[in-house]
């Protein structure tokens, strides 16, 4: 099984293509209380959604990973 971080570049590329990277970064920061619930919903849909959804669920399940992905999307936010 791949590490969730191996999916980050593809996710970020897709979000940037649709100019949703800023919104996604903000939602990851502002929506932390809902992240665990979202992860559980993704786990429930795993048979239908596939490996990428499982990786996203594992990212959302960890507060540190969620913050790291938000920073990955918006590298200027830390400065």
C-alpha atoms as a PDB file:
ATOM      1  CA  UNK A   1       0.000   0.000   0.000  1.00  0.00           C
ATOM      2  CA  UNK A   2       1.327   3.402  -0.982  1.00  0.00           C
ATOM      3  CA  UNK A   3       1.914   6.150   1.518  1.00  0.00           C
ATOM      4  CA  UNK A   4      -0.700   8.923   1.300  1.00  0.00           C
ATOM      5  CA  UNK A   5       2.090  11.412   0.558  1.00  0.00           C
ATOM      6  CA  UNK A   6       2.778   9.633  -2.725  1.00  0.00           C
ATOM      7  CA  UNK A   7      -0.614  10.914  -3.947  1.00  0.00           C
ATOM      8  CA  UNK A   8      -0.096  14.526  -2.892  1.00  0.00           C
ATOM      9  CA  UNK A   9       1.586  15.727  -6.084  1.00  0.00           C
ATOM     10  CA  UNK A  10      -1.224  14.375  -8.265  1.00  0.00           C
ATOM     11  CA  UNK A  11      -3.896  15.815  -5.972  1.00  0.00           C
ATOM     12  CA  UNK A  12      -2.151  19.198  -5.858  1.00  0.00           C
ATOM     13  CA  UNK A  13      -1.755  19.243  -9.644  1.00  0.00           C
ATOM     14  CA  UNK A  14      -5.460  18.544 -10.117  1.00  0.00           C
ATOM     15  CA  UNK A  15      -6.486  21.190  -7.578  1.00  0.00           C
ATOM     16  CA  UNK A  16      -4.165  23.775  -9.175  1.00  0.00           C
ATOM     17  CA  UNK A  17      -5.481  22.957 -12.658  1.00  0.00           C
ATOM     18  CA  UNK A  18      -8.983  23.866 -11.494  1.00  0.00           C
ATOM     19  CA  UNK A  19      -7.687  26.728  -9.316  1.00  0.00           C
ATOM     20  CA  UNK A  20      -9.038  25.056  -6.184  1.00  0.00           C
ATOM     21  CA  UNK A  21      -5.743  24.694  -4.319  1.00  0.00           C
ATOM     22  CA  UNK A  22      -6.305  27.803  -2.179  1.00  0.00           C
ATOM     23  CA  UNK A  23      -9.852  26.764  -1.319  1.00  0.00           C
ATOM     24  CA  UNK A  24      -8.736  23.216  -0.501  1.00  0.00           C
ATOM     25  CA  UNK A  25      -5.931  24.515   1.715  1.00  0.00           C
ATOM     26  CA  UNK A  26      -8.352  26.800   3.542  1.00  0.00           C
ATOM     27  CA  UNK A  27     -10.901  23.990   3.968  1.00  0.00           C
ATOM     28  CA  UNK A  28      -8.228  21.676   5.361  1.00  0.00           C
ATOM     29  CA  UNK A  29      -7.283  24.322   7.934  1.00  0.00           C
ATOM     30  CA  UNK A  30     -10.791  25.516   8.786  1.00  0.00           C
ATOM     31  CA  UNK A  31     -12.471  22.129   8.576  1.00  0.00           C
ATOM     32  CA  UNK A  32     -10.240  20.168  10.926  1.00  0.00           C
ATOM     33  CA  UNK A  33     -13.118  19.202  13.213  1.00  0.00           C
ATOM     34  CA  UNK A  34     -14.860  17.582  10.240  1.00  0.00           C
ATOM     35  CA  UNK A  35     -11.740  15.860   8.925  1.00  0.00           C
ATOM     36  CA  UNK A  36     -12.162  12.720  11.011  1.00  0.00           C
ATOM     37  CA  UNK A  37     -15.802  12.392   9.978  1.00  0.00           C
ATOM     38  CA  UNK A  38     -14.814  12.873   6.335  1.00  0.00           C
ATOM     39  CA  UNK A  39     -12.138  10.202   6.704  1.00  0.00           C
ATOM     40  CA  UNK A  40     -14.701   7.752   8.043  1.00  0.00           C
ATOM     41  CA  UNK A  41     -17.035   8.469   5.105  1.00  0.00           C
ATOM     42  CA  UNK A  42     -14.169   7.869   2.694  1.00  0.00           C
ATOM     43  CA  UNK A  43     -13.351   4.569   4.409  1.00  0.00           C
ATOM     44  CA  UNK A  44     -16.977   3.513   4.024  1.00  0.00           C
ATOM     45  CA  UNK A  45     -16.833   4.316   0.312  1.00  0.00           C
ATOM     46  CA  UNK A  46     -13.458   2.659  -0.194  1.00  0.00           C
ATOM     47  CA  UNK A  47     -14.831  -0.243  -2.316  1.00  0.00           C
ATOM     48  CA  UNK A  48     -16.326   2.250  -4.756  1.00  0.00           C
ATOM     49  CA  UNK A  49     -13.771   5.069  -4.598  1.00  0.00           C
ATOM     50  CA  UNK A  50     -10.459   3.184  -4.741  1.00  0.00           C
ATOM     51  CA  UNK A  51      -6.932   3.613  -3.467  1.00  0.00           C
ATOM     52  CA  UNK A  52      -6.740   7.385  -3.803  1.00  0.00           C
ATOM     53  CA  UNK A  53      -9.796   7.822  -1.542  1.00  0.00           C
ATOM     54  CA  UNK A  54      -8.193   5.494   1.001  1.00  0.00           C
ATOM     55  CA  UNK A  55      -5.021   7.602   0.917  1.00  0.00           C
ATOM     56  CA  UNK A  56      -7.073  10.787   1.373  1.00  0.00           C
ATOM     57  CA  UNK A  57      -8.875   9.198   4.324  1.00  0.00           C
ATOM     58  CA  UNK A  58      -5.536   8.329   5.940  1.00  0.00           C
ATOM     59  CA  UNK A  59      -4.358  11.906   5.371  1.00  0.00           C
ATOM     60  CA  UNK A  60      -7.504  13.383   6.932  1.00  0.00           C
ATOM     61  CA  UNK A  61      -7.343  10.991   9.862  1.00  0.00           C
ATOM     62  CA  UNK A  62      -4.049  12.467  11.063  1.00  0.00           C
ATOM     63  CA  UNK A  63      -4.064  16.106  12.134  1.00  0.00           C
ATOM     64  CA  UNK A  64      -0.333  16.381  11.371  1.00  0.00           C
ATOM     65  CA  UNK A  65      -0.777  14.936   7.877  1.00  0.00           C
ATOM     66  CA  UNK A  66      -3.730  17.233   7.196  1.00  0.00           C
ATOM     67  CA  UNK A  67      -1.692  20.293   8.197  1.00  0.00           C
ATOM     68  CA  UNK A  68       1.268  19.070   6.136  1.00  0.00           C
ATOM     69  CA  UNK A  69      -0.883  18.620   3.020  1.00  0.00           C
ATOM     70  CA  UNK A  70      -2.434  22.086   3.485  1.00  0.00           C
ATOM     71  CA  UNK A  71       1.104  23.500   3.673  1.00  0.00           C
ATOM     72  CA  UNK A  72       2.072  21.464   0.607  1.00  0.00           C
ATOM     73  CA  UNK A  73      -0.788  23.110  -1.298  1.00  0.00           C
ATOM     74  CA  UNK A  74       0.052  26.618  -0.084  1.00  0.00           C
ATOM     75  CA  UNK A  75       3.810  26.824   0.600  1.00  0.00           C
ATOM     76  CA  UNK A  76       3.635  30.617   1.099  1.00  0.00           C
ATOM     77  CA  UNK A  77       1.277  30.241   4.084  1.00  0.00           C
ATOM     78  CA  UNK A  78       4.096  29.443   6.504  1.00  0.00           C
ATOM     79  CA  UNK A  79       6.115  32.561   5.752  1.00  0.00           C
END
